[in-house]
N, C-alpha and C. Protein backbone atom coordinates (compact mmCIF):
# COMPACT_ATOMS: atom_id res chain seq x y z
N UNK A 1 -4.03 -70.16 27.11
CA UNK A 1 -4.12 -70.61 28.48
C UNK A 1 -4.93 -69.61 29.28
N UNK A 2 -5.72 -70.10 30.22
CA UNK A 2 -6.46 -69.24 31.14
C UNK A 2 -6.23 -69.77 32.55
N UNK A 3 -5.76 -68.90 33.45
CA UNK A 3 -5.48 -69.35 34.81
C UNK A 3 -6.73 -69.26 35.69
N UNK A 4 -6.58 -69.59 36.95
CA UNK A 4 -7.70 -69.63 37.88
C UNK A 4 -8.38 -68.27 38.05
N UNK A 5 -7.66 -67.19 37.83
CA UNK A 5 -8.21 -65.84 37.96
C UNK A 5 -8.81 -65.34 36.64
N UNK A 6 -8.80 -66.16 35.62
CA UNK A 6 -9.36 -65.77 34.33
C UNK A 6 -8.41 -64.99 33.44
N UNK A 7 -7.13 -64.89 33.84
CA UNK A 7 -6.14 -64.19 33.01
C UNK A 7 -5.70 -65.09 31.87
N UNK A 8 -5.55 -64.50 30.71
CA UNK A 8 -5.25 -65.25 29.49
C UNK A 8 -3.80 -65.02 29.05
N UNK A 9 -3.19 -66.10 28.57
CA UNK A 9 -1.87 -66.04 27.95
C UNK A 9 -1.94 -66.83 26.65
N UNK A 10 -1.11 -66.47 25.70
CA UNK A 10 -1.04 -67.21 24.45
C UNK A 10 0.26 -68.00 24.41
N UNK A 11 0.22 -69.12 23.70
CA UNK A 11 1.37 -70.00 23.59
C UNK A 11 1.62 -70.29 22.12
N UNK A 12 2.88 -70.19 21.72
CA UNK A 12 3.25 -70.59 20.36
C UNK A 12 4.35 -71.63 20.48
N UNK A 13 4.17 -72.75 19.81
CA UNK A 13 5.15 -73.83 19.82
C UNK A 13 5.77 -73.95 18.44
N UNK A 14 7.09 -74.07 18.42
CA UNK A 14 7.84 -74.19 17.17
C UNK A 14 8.75 -75.41 17.26
N UNK A 15 8.57 -76.33 16.35
CA UNK A 15 9.46 -77.48 16.26
C UNK A 15 10.55 -77.14 15.24
N UNK A 16 11.63 -76.59 15.74
CA UNK A 16 12.72 -76.13 14.89
C UNK A 16 14.00 -76.87 15.24
N UNK A 17 14.83 -77.06 14.25
CA UNK A 17 16.19 -77.53 14.50
C UNK A 17 17.13 -76.33 14.58
N UNK A 18 16.68 -75.23 14.00
CA UNK A 18 17.51 -74.03 13.95
C UNK A 18 17.14 -73.03 15.03
N UNK A 19 17.19 -71.76 14.65
CA UNK A 19 17.01 -70.66 15.58
C UNK A 19 15.74 -69.89 15.29
N UNK A 20 14.98 -69.61 16.34
CA UNK A 20 13.79 -68.76 16.23
C UNK A 20 14.27 -67.32 16.33
N UNK A 21 13.84 -66.49 15.38
CA UNK A 21 14.31 -65.12 15.32
C UNK A 21 13.34 -64.10 15.89
N UNK A 22 13.77 -62.87 15.82
CA UNK A 22 13.01 -61.74 16.35
C UNK A 22 11.63 -61.60 15.71
N UNK A 23 11.53 -61.84 14.42
CA UNK A 23 10.25 -61.69 13.72
C UNK A 23 9.17 -62.59 14.33
N UNK A 24 9.54 -63.80 14.68
CA UNK A 24 8.58 -64.73 15.29
C UNK A 24 8.09 -64.19 16.64
N UNK A 25 9.00 -63.63 17.42
CA UNK A 25 8.64 -63.09 18.72
C UNK A 25 7.76 -61.85 18.55
N UNK A 26 8.07 -61.03 17.57
CA UNK A 26 7.23 -59.85 17.29
C UNK A 26 5.81 -60.28 16.91
N UNK A 27 5.70 -61.30 16.07
CA UNK A 27 4.38 -61.80 15.67
C UNK A 27 3.60 -62.33 16.87
N UNK A 28 4.28 -63.05 17.74
CA UNK A 28 3.64 -63.56 18.95
C UNK A 28 3.15 -62.42 19.83
N UNK A 29 3.93 -61.39 19.97
CA UNK A 29 3.53 -60.23 20.77
C UNK A 29 2.28 -59.57 20.16
N UNK A 30 2.23 -59.45 18.86
CA UNK A 30 1.05 -58.90 18.19
C UNK A 30 -0.18 -59.75 18.45
N UNK A 31 -0.02 -61.06 18.42
CA UNK A 31 -1.13 -61.97 18.73
C UNK A 31 -1.58 -61.79 20.17
N UNK A 32 -0.61 -61.65 21.07
CA UNK A 32 -0.93 -61.44 22.48
C UNK A 32 -1.76 -60.18 22.67
N UNK A 33 -1.34 -59.09 22.07
CA UNK A 33 -2.05 -57.82 22.18
C UNK A 33 -3.45 -57.94 21.56
N UNK A 34 -3.51 -58.50 20.37
CA UNK A 34 -4.78 -58.63 19.66
C UNK A 34 -5.80 -59.46 20.43
N UNK A 35 -5.32 -60.50 21.11
CA UNK A 35 -6.24 -61.39 21.84
C UNK A 35 -6.57 -60.90 23.24
N UNK A 36 -5.93 -59.82 23.67
CA UNK A 36 -6.19 -59.29 25.01
C UNK A 36 -5.51 -60.09 26.12
N UNK A 37 -4.51 -60.88 25.78
CA UNK A 37 -3.79 -61.67 26.77
C UNK A 37 -2.82 -60.80 27.56
N UNK A 38 -2.48 -61.25 28.76
CA UNK A 38 -1.54 -60.49 29.59
C UNK A 38 -0.11 -61.01 29.47
N UNK A 39 0.06 -62.13 28.77
CA UNK A 39 1.40 -62.69 28.60
C UNK A 39 1.42 -63.68 27.46
N UNK A 40 2.65 -64.12 27.15
CA UNK A 40 2.83 -65.07 26.06
C UNK A 40 4.01 -65.98 26.36
N UNK A 41 3.95 -67.17 25.76
CA UNK A 41 5.03 -68.15 25.87
C UNK A 41 5.41 -68.58 24.47
N UNK A 42 6.70 -68.55 24.19
CA UNK A 42 7.23 -69.11 22.96
C UNK A 42 8.04 -70.34 23.35
N UNK A 43 7.64 -71.49 22.85
CA UNK A 43 8.30 -72.76 23.19
C UNK A 43 8.86 -73.33 21.89
N UNK A 44 10.14 -73.67 21.89
CA UNK A 44 10.77 -74.23 20.71
C UNK A 44 11.70 -75.37 21.08
N UNK A 45 11.83 -76.32 20.18
CA UNK A 45 12.80 -77.38 20.36
C UNK A 45 14.19 -76.91 19.94
N UNK A 46 14.26 -75.77 19.27
CA UNK A 46 15.53 -75.21 18.81
C UNK A 46 16.09 -74.19 19.78
N UNK A 47 16.75 -73.20 19.20
CA UNK A 47 17.33 -72.12 19.99
C UNK A 47 16.60 -70.82 19.68
N UNK A 48 16.86 -69.80 20.49
CA UNK A 48 16.25 -68.48 20.30
C UNK A 48 17.37 -67.48 20.13
N UNK A 49 17.30 -66.67 19.08
CA UNK A 49 18.37 -65.74 18.77
C UNK A 49 18.52 -64.67 19.86
N UNK A 50 19.70 -64.12 19.95
CA UNK A 50 19.94 -63.04 20.91
C UNK A 50 19.10 -61.81 20.58
N UNK A 51 18.89 -61.54 19.29
CA UNK A 51 18.05 -60.41 18.89
C UNK A 51 16.62 -60.61 19.40
N UNK A 52 16.12 -61.83 19.29
CA UNK A 52 14.77 -62.14 19.78
C UNK A 52 14.71 -61.99 21.30
N UNK A 53 15.73 -62.45 22.00
CA UNK A 53 15.78 -62.32 23.46
C UNK A 53 15.83 -60.85 23.88
N UNK A 54 16.63 -60.06 23.19
CA UNK A 54 16.70 -58.63 23.51
C UNK A 54 15.36 -57.95 23.28
N UNK A 55 14.71 -58.26 22.17
CA UNK A 55 13.44 -57.63 21.84
C UNK A 55 12.38 -57.98 22.87
N UNK A 56 12.37 -59.19 23.36
CA UNK A 56 11.35 -59.65 24.30
C UNK A 56 11.66 -59.29 25.75
N UNK A 57 12.86 -58.80 26.01
CA UNK A 57 13.33 -58.62 27.39
C UNK A 57 12.41 -57.78 28.26
N UNK A 58 11.80 -56.75 27.73
CA UNK A 58 10.96 -55.86 28.56
C UNK A 58 9.47 -56.11 28.34
N UNK A 59 9.15 -57.28 27.78
CA UNK A 59 7.76 -57.61 27.49
C UNK A 59 7.35 -58.87 28.26
N UNK A 60 6.06 -59.06 28.48
CA UNK A 60 5.61 -60.24 29.24
C UNK A 60 5.59 -61.51 28.38
N UNK A 61 6.77 -61.84 27.86
CA UNK A 61 6.92 -63.01 27.00
C UNK A 61 7.98 -63.92 27.62
N UNK A 62 7.63 -65.17 27.84
CA UNK A 62 8.56 -66.15 28.37
C UNK A 62 9.08 -66.98 27.20
N UNK A 63 10.38 -66.96 27.00
CA UNK A 63 11.01 -67.70 25.91
C UNK A 63 11.59 -69.00 26.44
N UNK A 64 11.12 -70.11 25.89
CA UNK A 64 11.56 -71.43 26.34
C UNK A 64 12.21 -72.14 25.16
N UNK A 65 13.53 -72.26 25.21
CA UNK A 65 14.25 -72.92 24.12
C UNK A 65 14.33 -74.43 24.39
N UNK A 66 14.91 -75.16 23.46
CA UNK A 66 14.97 -76.61 23.56
C UNK A 66 15.66 -77.10 24.82
N UNK A 67 16.73 -76.45 25.19
CA UNK A 67 17.47 -76.85 26.39
C UNK A 67 16.60 -76.67 27.64
N UNK A 68 15.95 -75.54 27.76
CA UNK A 68 15.08 -75.29 28.91
C UNK A 68 13.86 -76.22 28.88
N UNK A 69 13.31 -76.47 27.70
CA UNK A 69 12.18 -77.37 27.57
C UNK A 69 12.53 -78.77 28.06
N UNK A 70 13.70 -79.27 27.67
CA UNK A 70 14.14 -80.59 28.11
C UNK A 70 14.32 -80.62 29.63
N UNK A 71 14.89 -79.55 30.18
CA UNK A 71 15.06 -79.47 31.63
C UNK A 71 13.70 -79.49 32.34
N UNK A 72 12.75 -78.72 31.83
CA UNK A 72 11.41 -78.67 32.42
C UNK A 72 10.75 -80.05 32.36
N UNK A 73 10.92 -80.74 31.25
CA UNK A 73 10.32 -82.06 31.09
C UNK A 73 10.89 -83.06 32.10
N UNK A 74 12.17 -82.90 32.43
CA UNK A 74 12.81 -83.81 33.37
C UNK A 74 12.47 -83.48 34.82
N UNK A 75 12.22 -82.22 35.13
CA UNK A 75 12.15 -81.81 36.55
C UNK A 75 10.79 -81.39 37.06
N UNK A 76 9.90 -80.93 36.20
CA UNK A 76 8.61 -80.45 36.69
C UNK A 76 7.65 -81.60 36.93
N UNK A 77 6.84 -81.49 37.97
CA UNK A 77 5.86 -82.56 38.22
C UNK A 77 4.79 -82.57 37.12
N UNK A 78 4.23 -83.71 36.89
CA UNK A 78 3.19 -83.87 35.88
C UNK A 78 1.84 -83.64 36.55
N UNK A 79 1.04 -82.75 35.98
CA UNK A 79 -0.29 -82.47 36.50
C UNK A 79 -1.27 -83.50 35.96
N UNK A 80 -2.19 -83.92 36.80
CA UNK A 80 -3.19 -84.88 36.35
C UNK A 80 -4.56 -84.23 36.16
N UNK A 81 -4.58 -82.88 36.13
CA UNK A 81 -5.85 -82.18 35.93
C UNK A 81 -6.33 -82.31 34.53
C-alpha cells in the first residue's frame, strides 16, 4: 500500500481456520524492513496468538484477526476509488 504522502506499508493476508503465530509476524516484519515500508498489516480470518501479539506490540504492525476483520467489513464505509 502507498498513501497520499508516498509512505509504503506491506500487507499479508492469511486465510486460516487456526492461529497465526509469532513466526509469521516475524517474517512480515522482515519483509517490511527489506521493502523500506514504514508499517505492516497482518490480516487473517483466524486468530492471532498471544506470543505474536506480544512480539508485535512495540512495532508498527497492525494485527487484524477474523473477529476484527468481520467487524471492519460490517462498519467501515466502502471506498469507490
